[in-house]
Amino acid sequence: MWPLIKFAHLASAIVWMGGMAFMLYALRPAISMLTPPQRLTLMVDVLRRFFTIVRIAIAVLAVTGLSMILHIGMSRSPLGWHLMMGIGLVMFAVFGHLDGGPHRRLQRAVARSDWPTAAAQMKQIPMLATINFMLGWVAIAAMRFVP
């Protein structure tokens, strides 16, 4: 059972981190030549789909991470696990802000064809995604390099 829980935890982290890498370093640069209505409409659709996947990944990460740390015991868990849990909670909060704030406002602006407002909201999303992407690497490093 524990190997399956560890696999689900790792797979969820890979999906989330990989999706952020794809969005930040492949998709955004590739669509820069599109007109604002095309680019912003595409991003709304891509982010809607990706954020659904991220919500599932967060649920899996929370359940599997908590189950592993409680199984070992909070006091007996390695420091790296505690760091990863703390960083994960910050990442969940950043995503919650991103999803409930700029992403939601982006969706509404695109639905109204309010391209200046949509563009302003879209500028915030990569910044927040970059913060989470970097935090994800810090969590990985904490797990790998902190006993």
N, C-alpha and C. Protein backbone atom coordinates (compact mmCIF):
# COMPACT_ATOMS: atom_id res chain seq x y z
N MET A 1 0.82 -1.20 0.00
CA MET A 1 0.00 0.00 0.00
C MET A 1 0.86 1.26 0.00
N TRP A 2 1.94 1.29 0.83
CA TRP A 2 2.77 2.49 0.91
C TRP A 2 3.47 2.80 -0.40
N PRO A 3 3.94 1.82 -1.15
CA PRO A 3 4.53 2.16 -2.45
C PRO A 3 3.52 2.86 -3.38
N LEU A 4 2.27 2.45 -3.33
CA LEU A 4 1.24 3.09 -4.15
C LEU A 4 1.00 4.54 -3.70
N ILE A 5 0.98 4.76 -2.40
CA ILE A 5 0.79 6.11 -1.86
C ILE A 5 1.97 7.00 -2.24
N LYS A 6 3.18 6.48 -2.11
CA LYS A 6 4.36 7.25 -2.49
C LYS A 6 4.35 7.55 -3.99
N PHE A 7 3.95 6.56 -4.79
CA PHE A 7 3.88 6.77 -6.24
C PHE A 7 2.86 7.85 -6.58
N ALA A 8 1.69 7.80 -5.98
CA ALA A 8 0.65 8.80 -6.24
C ALA A 8 1.15 10.20 -5.85
N HIS A 9 1.86 10.29 -4.73
CA HIS A 9 2.40 11.56 -4.27
C HIS A 9 3.41 12.11 -5.30
N LEU A 10 4.34 11.27 -5.68
CA LEU A 10 5.37 11.68 -6.64
C LEU A 10 4.76 12.01 -8.00
N ALA A 11 3.83 11.20 -8.47
CA ALA A 11 3.20 11.44 -9.77
C ALA A 11 2.44 12.77 -9.78
N SER A 12 1.75 13.07 -8.70
CA SER A 12 1.02 14.33 -8.61
C SER A 12 1.96 15.52 -8.64
N ALA A 13 3.08 15.41 -7.93
CA ALA A 13 4.07 16.50 -7.94
C ALA A 13 4.67 16.68 -9.33
N ILE A 14 4.95 15.58 -10.00
CA ILE A 14 5.52 15.65 -11.35
C ILE A 14 4.53 16.30 -12.32
N VAL A 15 3.28 15.93 -12.24
CA VAL A 15 2.26 16.51 -13.12
C VAL A 15 2.17 18.02 -12.90
N TRP A 16 2.10 18.45 -11.65
CA TRP A 16 1.99 19.87 -11.34
C TRP A 16 3.23 20.64 -11.79
N MET A 17 4.41 20.14 -11.40
CA MET A 17 5.66 20.81 -11.79
C MET A 17 5.85 20.80 -13.30
N GLY A 18 5.55 19.69 -13.93
CA GLY A 18 5.69 19.61 -15.39
C GLY A 18 4.74 20.56 -16.11
N GLY A 19 3.53 20.66 -15.60
CA GLY A 19 2.56 21.58 -16.20
C GLY A 19 3.01 23.03 -16.08
N MET A 20 3.58 23.37 -14.92
CA MET A 20 4.08 24.74 -14.76
C MET A 20 5.25 25.00 -15.71
N ALA A 21 6.15 24.04 -15.83
CA ALA A 21 7.29 24.20 -16.74
C ALA A 21 6.80 24.36 -18.18
N PHE A 22 5.83 23.55 -18.58
CA PHE A 22 5.29 23.64 -19.94
C PHE A 22 4.69 25.02 -20.19
N MET A 23 3.85 25.48 -19.25
CA MET A 23 3.19 26.76 -19.43
C MET A 23 4.19 27.90 -19.49
N LEU A 24 5.13 27.91 -18.55
CA LEU A 24 6.06 29.03 -18.45
C LEU A 24 7.09 29.07 -19.58
N TYR A 25 7.61 27.91 -19.96
CA TYR A 25 8.77 27.90 -20.84
C TYR A 25 8.50 27.38 -22.25
N ALA A 26 7.31 26.86 -22.51
CA ALA A 26 7.00 26.38 -23.86
C ALA A 26 5.77 27.08 -24.44
N LEU A 27 4.65 27.02 -23.72
CA LEU A 27 3.40 27.56 -24.25
C LEU A 27 3.43 29.08 -24.39
N ARG A 28 3.76 29.77 -23.31
CA ARG A 28 3.72 31.24 -23.35
C ARG A 28 4.61 31.82 -24.44
N PRO A 29 5.86 31.40 -24.56
CA PRO A 29 6.68 31.96 -25.64
C PRO A 29 6.13 31.61 -27.04
N ALA A 30 5.55 30.42 -27.17
CA ALA A 30 5.08 29.97 -28.48
C ALA A 30 3.84 30.73 -28.96
N ILE A 31 3.05 31.24 -28.04
CA ILE A 31 1.82 31.92 -28.46
C ILE A 31 1.95 33.44 -28.48
N SER A 32 3.16 33.95 -28.28
CA SER A 32 3.36 35.40 -28.20
C SER A 32 3.01 36.10 -29.50
N MET A 33 3.04 35.40 -30.62
CA MET A 33 2.74 36.04 -31.89
C MET A 33 1.24 36.13 -32.19
N LEU A 34 0.42 35.52 -31.35
CA LEU A 34 -1.03 35.58 -31.56
C LEU A 34 -1.56 36.95 -31.14
N THR A 35 -2.69 37.32 -31.68
CA THR A 35 -3.33 38.58 -31.27
C THR A 35 -3.82 38.42 -29.83
N PRO A 36 -4.00 39.53 -29.11
CA PRO A 36 -4.48 39.40 -27.73
C PRO A 36 -5.76 38.58 -27.59
N PRO A 37 -6.79 38.78 -28.43
CA PRO A 37 -7.99 37.94 -28.26
C PRO A 37 -7.69 36.44 -28.45
N GLN A 38 -6.86 36.10 -29.43
CA GLN A 38 -6.53 34.69 -29.66
C GLN A 38 -5.71 34.14 -28.50
N ARG A 39 -4.68 34.89 -28.10
CA ARG A 39 -3.77 34.43 -27.05
C ARG A 39 -4.51 34.28 -25.71
N LEU A 40 -5.29 35.27 -25.35
CA LEU A 40 -5.96 35.25 -24.06
C LEU A 40 -7.07 34.22 -24.02
N THR A 41 -7.79 34.04 -25.12
CA THR A 41 -8.82 33.01 -25.19
C THR A 41 -8.20 31.62 -25.07
N LEU A 42 -7.07 31.42 -25.75
CA LEU A 42 -6.37 30.14 -25.66
C LEU A 42 -5.89 29.88 -24.23
N MET A 43 -5.32 30.90 -23.61
CA MET A 43 -4.81 30.72 -22.24
C MET A 43 -5.94 30.41 -21.26
N VAL A 44 -7.10 31.05 -21.43
CA VAL A 44 -8.23 30.74 -20.55
C VAL A 44 -8.58 29.26 -20.65
N ASP A 45 -8.63 28.76 -21.87
CA ASP A 45 -8.99 27.35 -22.06
C ASP A 45 -7.91 26.42 -21.51
N VAL A 46 -6.65 26.72 -21.81
CA VAL A 46 -5.55 25.89 -21.33
C VAL A 46 -5.50 25.90 -19.80
N LEU A 47 -5.60 27.09 -19.20
CA LEU A 47 -5.53 27.19 -17.75
C LEU A 47 -6.72 26.53 -17.07
N ARG A 48 -7.90 26.64 -17.66
CA ARG A 48 -9.07 25.98 -17.08
C ARG A 48 -8.83 24.47 -16.99
N ARG A 49 -8.31 23.90 -18.06
CA ARG A 49 -8.04 22.46 -18.07
C ARG A 49 -6.90 22.10 -17.11
N PHE A 50 -5.82 22.89 -17.17
CA PHE A 50 -4.67 22.60 -16.31
C PHE A 50 -5.02 22.77 -14.84
N PHE A 51 -5.77 23.81 -14.50
CA PHE A 51 -6.11 24.04 -13.10
C PHE A 51 -7.01 22.95 -12.55
N THR A 52 -7.81 22.33 -13.38
CA THR A 52 -8.60 21.18 -12.94
C THR A 52 -7.65 20.04 -12.54
N ILE A 53 -6.64 19.83 -13.35
CA ILE A 53 -5.64 18.80 -13.05
C ILE A 53 -4.87 19.16 -11.77
N VAL A 54 -4.52 20.44 -11.62
CA VAL A 54 -3.78 20.87 -10.43
C VAL A 54 -4.61 20.67 -9.17
N ARG A 55 -5.90 20.97 -9.24
CA ARG A 55 -6.76 20.76 -8.05
C ARG A 55 -6.74 19.29 -7.62
N ILE A 56 -6.79 18.40 -8.59
CA ILE A 56 -6.72 16.97 -8.29
C ILE A 56 -5.35 16.63 -7.71
N ALA A 57 -4.29 17.16 -8.32
CA ALA A 57 -2.93 16.90 -7.84
C ALA A 57 -2.76 17.40 -6.40
N ILE A 58 -3.30 18.58 -6.11
CA ILE A 58 -3.19 19.12 -4.75
C ILE A 58 -3.92 18.22 -3.76
N ALA A 59 -5.09 17.74 -4.12
CA ALA A 59 -5.83 16.84 -3.23
C ALA A 59 -5.03 15.57 -2.97
N VAL A 60 -4.45 15.00 -4.03
CA VAL A 60 -3.66 13.79 -3.87
C VAL A 60 -2.41 14.07 -3.04
N LEU A 61 -1.73 15.18 -3.32
CA LEU A 61 -0.53 15.53 -2.55
C LEU A 61 -0.86 15.72 -1.07
N ALA A 62 -1.96 16.40 -0.78
CA ALA A 62 -2.33 16.64 0.61
C ALA A 62 -2.65 15.34 1.33
N VAL A 63 -3.45 14.50 0.71
CA VAL A 63 -3.86 13.24 1.35
C VAL A 63 -2.68 12.30 1.51
N THR A 64 -1.90 12.12 0.44
CA THR A 64 -0.79 11.17 0.52
C THR A 64 0.32 11.69 1.43
N GLY A 65 0.63 13.00 1.34
CA GLY A 65 1.68 13.56 2.19
C GLY A 65 1.32 13.46 3.66
N LEU A 66 0.09 13.83 3.97
CA LEU A 66 -0.34 13.76 5.37
C LEU A 66 -0.38 12.32 5.86
N SER A 67 -0.84 11.41 5.02
CA SER A 67 -0.90 10.01 5.45
C SER A 67 0.49 9.45 5.71
N MET A 68 1.47 9.83 4.88
CA MET A 68 2.83 9.33 5.10
C MET A 68 3.43 9.90 6.37
N ILE A 69 3.25 11.20 6.59
CA ILE A 69 3.85 11.81 7.78
C ILE A 69 3.17 11.34 9.06
N LEU A 70 1.86 11.11 9.01
CA LEU A 70 1.15 10.60 10.19
C LEU A 70 1.47 9.13 10.44
N HIS A 71 1.72 8.38 9.38
CA HIS A 71 2.07 6.97 9.53
C HIS A 71 3.41 6.83 10.27
N ILE A 72 4.36 7.66 9.92
CA ILE A 72 5.67 7.62 10.58
C ILE A 72 5.57 8.27 11.96
N GLY A 73 4.74 9.31 12.05
CA GLY A 73 4.62 10.09 13.29
C GLY A 73 5.30 11.43 13.09
N MET A 74 4.62 12.48 13.50
CA MET A 74 5.15 13.83 13.29
C MET A 74 6.53 13.99 13.92
N SER A 75 6.71 13.48 15.11
CA SER A 75 7.99 13.67 15.82
C SER A 75 9.11 12.82 15.23
N ARG A 76 8.77 11.70 14.58
CA ARG A 76 9.79 10.82 14.00
C ARG A 76 10.03 11.10 12.52
N SER A 77 9.23 11.95 11.91
CA SER A 77 9.40 12.25 10.49
C SER A 77 10.66 13.08 10.27
N PRO A 78 11.35 12.83 9.18
CA PRO A 78 12.57 13.60 8.89
C PRO A 78 12.25 15.09 8.70
N LEU A 79 13.24 15.92 9.01
CA LEU A 79 13.08 17.37 8.85
C LEU A 79 12.67 17.71 7.41
N GLY A 80 13.24 17.02 6.43
CA GLY A 80 12.91 17.27 5.03
C GLY A 80 11.42 17.10 4.75
N TRP A 81 10.79 16.15 5.41
CA TRP A 81 9.34 15.94 5.23
C TRP A 81 8.56 17.13 5.77
N HIS A 82 9.00 17.63 6.94
CA HIS A 82 8.32 18.78 7.53
C HIS A 82 8.49 20.02 6.64
N LEU A 83 9.70 20.19 6.12
CA LEU A 83 9.93 21.32 5.21
C LEU A 83 9.07 21.19 3.96
N MET A 84 9.02 19.98 3.40
CA MET A 84 8.21 19.76 2.20
C MET A 84 6.74 20.05 2.50
N MET A 85 6.26 19.63 3.66
CA MET A 85 4.86 19.87 4.00
C MET A 85 4.60 21.37 4.14
N GLY A 86 5.49 22.09 4.80
CA GLY A 86 5.31 23.52 4.95
C GLY A 86 5.35 24.25 3.61
N ILE A 87 6.31 23.90 2.79
CA ILE A 87 6.42 24.51 1.45
C ILE A 87 5.20 24.15 0.63
N GLY A 88 4.75 22.91 0.73
CA GLY A 88 3.55 22.48 0.00
C GLY A 88 2.33 23.30 0.40
N LEU A 89 2.19 23.57 1.69
CA LEU A 89 1.05 24.39 2.13
C LEU A 89 1.12 25.80 1.55
N VAL A 90 2.33 26.36 1.49
CA VAL A 90 2.49 27.68 0.87
C VAL A 90 2.12 27.60 -0.62
N MET A 91 2.58 26.54 -1.29
CA MET A 91 2.25 26.37 -2.71
C MET A 91 0.74 26.24 -2.92
N PHE A 92 0.08 25.50 -2.04
CA PHE A 92 -1.38 25.37 -2.15
C PHE A 92 -2.03 26.74 -2.03
N ALA A 93 -1.54 27.55 -1.09
CA ALA A 93 -2.11 28.89 -0.87
C ALA A 93 -1.87 29.79 -2.08
N VAL A 94 -0.66 29.74 -2.64
CA VAL A 94 -0.36 30.55 -3.83
C VAL A 94 -1.28 30.13 -4.97
N PHE A 95 -1.44 28.83 -5.16
CA PHE A 95 -2.34 28.37 -6.22
C PHE A 95 -3.77 28.81 -5.95
N GLY A 96 -4.22 28.71 -4.72
CA GLY A 96 -5.58 29.15 -4.38
C GLY A 96 -5.78 30.62 -4.72
N HIS A 97 -4.78 31.44 -4.40
CA HIS A 97 -4.87 32.87 -4.75
C HIS A 97 -4.89 33.05 -6.27
N LEU A 98 -3.99 32.35 -6.95
CA LEU A 98 -3.91 32.45 -8.42
C LEU A 98 -5.23 32.04 -9.06
N ASP A 99 -5.78 30.93 -8.62
CA ASP A 99 -7.01 30.40 -9.20
C ASP A 99 -8.21 31.28 -8.87
N GLY A 100 -8.31 31.70 -7.63
CA GLY A 100 -9.47 32.49 -7.22
C GLY A 100 -9.37 33.96 -7.57
N GLY A 101 -8.17 34.44 -7.87
CA GLY A 101 -7.97 35.85 -8.17
C GLY A 101 -7.73 36.11 -9.64
N PRO A 102 -6.46 36.20 -10.05
CA PRO A 102 -6.16 36.55 -11.43
C PRO A 102 -6.80 35.63 -12.48
N HIS A 103 -6.81 34.33 -12.20
CA HIS A 103 -7.40 33.41 -13.19
C HIS A 103 -8.89 33.64 -13.35
N ARG A 104 -9.58 33.79 -12.26
CA ARG A 104 -11.03 34.03 -12.32
C ARG A 104 -11.34 35.36 -13.00
N ARG A 105 -10.55 36.40 -12.68
CA ARG A 105 -10.75 37.70 -13.33
C ARG A 105 -10.39 37.64 -14.81
N LEU A 106 -9.37 36.85 -15.15
CA LEU A 106 -9.02 36.64 -16.57
C LEU A 106 -10.19 36.01 -17.31
N GLN A 107 -10.77 34.98 -16.75
CA GLN A 107 -11.92 34.31 -17.39
C GLN A 107 -13.06 35.29 -17.63
N ARG A 108 -13.38 36.09 -16.62
CA ARG A 108 -14.49 37.05 -16.76
C ARG A 108 -14.18 38.11 -17.80
N ALA A 109 -12.95 38.60 -17.81
CA ALA A 109 -12.57 39.63 -18.78
C ALA A 109 -12.61 39.09 -20.20
N VAL A 110 -12.14 37.87 -20.41
CA VAL A 110 -12.18 37.27 -21.75
C VAL A 110 -13.64 37.05 -22.17
N ALA A 111 -14.48 36.60 -21.26
CA ALA A 111 -15.90 36.40 -21.58
C ALA A 111 -16.56 37.71 -22.02
N ARG A 112 -16.10 38.84 -21.48
CA ARG A 112 -16.65 40.16 -21.84
C ARG A 112 -15.91 40.78 -23.02
N SER A 113 -14.88 40.10 -23.52
CA SER A 113 -13.99 40.65 -24.56
C SER A 113 -13.32 41.93 -24.10
N ASP A 114 -13.01 42.00 -22.82
CA ASP A 114 -12.29 43.14 -22.23
C ASP A 114 -10.80 42.80 -22.25
N TRP A 115 -10.18 43.00 -23.40
CA TRP A 115 -8.81 42.54 -23.62
C TRP A 115 -7.77 43.26 -22.76
N PRO A 116 -7.89 44.57 -22.51
CA PRO A 116 -6.90 45.20 -21.62
C PRO A 116 -6.92 44.63 -20.19
N THR A 117 -8.12 44.42 -19.65
CA THR A 117 -8.23 43.84 -18.31
C THR A 117 -7.72 42.40 -18.32
N ALA A 118 -8.07 41.65 -19.35
CA ALA A 118 -7.60 40.26 -19.46
C ALA A 118 -6.08 40.21 -19.52
N ALA A 119 -5.48 41.10 -20.30
CA ALA A 119 -4.02 41.13 -20.42
C ALA A 119 -3.38 41.47 -19.08
N ALA A 120 -3.97 42.39 -18.33
CA ALA A 120 -3.43 42.76 -17.02
C ALA A 120 -3.48 41.57 -16.06
N GLN A 121 -4.57 40.82 -16.09
CA GLN A 121 -4.68 39.64 -15.23
C GLN A 121 -3.70 38.56 -15.66
N MET A 122 -3.54 38.40 -16.97
CA MET A 122 -2.64 37.37 -17.49
C MET A 122 -1.21 37.63 -17.08
N LYS A 123 -0.83 38.90 -16.91
CA LYS A 123 0.54 39.23 -16.49
C LYS A 123 0.84 38.71 -15.08
N GLN A 124 -0.17 38.61 -14.23
CA GLN A 124 0.04 38.15 -12.86
C GLN A 124 0.24 36.63 -12.78
N ILE A 125 -0.38 35.93 -13.70
CA ILE A 125 -0.39 34.46 -13.62
C ILE A 125 1.01 33.86 -13.76
N PRO A 126 1.81 34.25 -14.75
CA PRO A 126 3.17 33.67 -14.83
C PRO A 126 4.03 34.00 -13.61
N MET A 127 3.85 35.19 -13.03
CA MET A 127 4.62 35.55 -11.84
C MET A 127 4.30 34.59 -10.69
N LEU A 128 3.02 34.35 -10.46
CA LEU A 128 2.61 33.46 -9.37
C LEU A 128 3.01 32.01 -9.68
N ALA A 129 2.89 31.62 -10.95
CA ALA A 129 3.30 30.27 -11.34
C ALA A 129 4.80 30.10 -11.15
N THR A 130 5.57 31.13 -11.45
CA THR A 130 7.03 31.06 -11.26
C THR A 130 7.37 30.92 -9.78
N ILE A 131 6.67 31.64 -8.93
CA ILE A 131 6.88 31.50 -7.48
C ILE A 131 6.63 30.06 -7.06
N ASN A 132 5.52 29.49 -7.53
CA ASN A 132 5.22 28.10 -7.15
C ASN A 132 6.22 27.12 -7.76
N PHE A 133 6.65 27.40 -8.97
CA PHE A 133 7.62 26.53 -9.62
C PHE A 133 8.93 26.51 -8.82
N MET A 134 9.38 27.68 -8.40
CA MET A 134 10.60 27.76 -7.59
C MET A 134 10.40 27.11 -6.22
N LEU A 135 9.24 27.34 -5.60
CA LEU A 135 8.96 26.68 -4.32
C LEU A 135 8.96 25.16 -4.47
N GLY A 136 8.44 24.68 -5.59
CA GLY A 136 8.44 23.24 -5.85
C GLY A 136 9.86 22.68 -5.88
N TRP A 137 10.78 23.41 -6.49
CA TRP A 137 12.17 22.96 -6.52
C TRP A 137 12.80 23.02 -5.13
N VAL A 138 12.43 24.03 -4.35
CA VAL A 138 12.94 24.10 -2.97
C VAL A 138 12.43 22.90 -2.17
N ALA A 139 11.16 22.55 -2.37
CA ALA A 139 10.60 21.38 -1.66
C ALA A 139 11.32 20.10 -2.07
N ILE A 140 11.62 19.97 -3.34
CA ILE A 140 12.35 18.79 -3.82
C ILE A 140 13.74 18.76 -3.20
N ALA A 141 14.40 19.91 -3.18
CA ALA A 141 15.74 19.98 -2.59
C ALA A 141 15.70 19.67 -1.10
N ALA A 142 14.67 20.18 -0.41
CA ALA A 142 14.55 19.90 1.02
C ALA A 142 14.40 18.40 1.26
N MET A 143 13.63 17.77 0.42
CA MET A 143 13.42 16.33 0.57
C MET A 143 14.70 15.56 0.27
N ARG A 144 15.46 16.04 -0.68
CA ARG A 144 16.64 15.31 -1.12
C ARG A 144 17.87 15.59 -0.24
N PHE A 145 18.02 16.84 0.20
CA PHE A 145 19.28 17.23 0.84
C PHE A 145 19.18 17.50 2.33
N VAL A 146 17.96 17.54 2.88
CA VAL A 146 17.83 17.75 4.33
C VAL A 146 17.48 16.39 4.95
N PRO A 147 18.25 15.97 5.94
CA PRO A 147 18.00 14.63 6.53
C PRO A 147 16.66 14.53 7.22
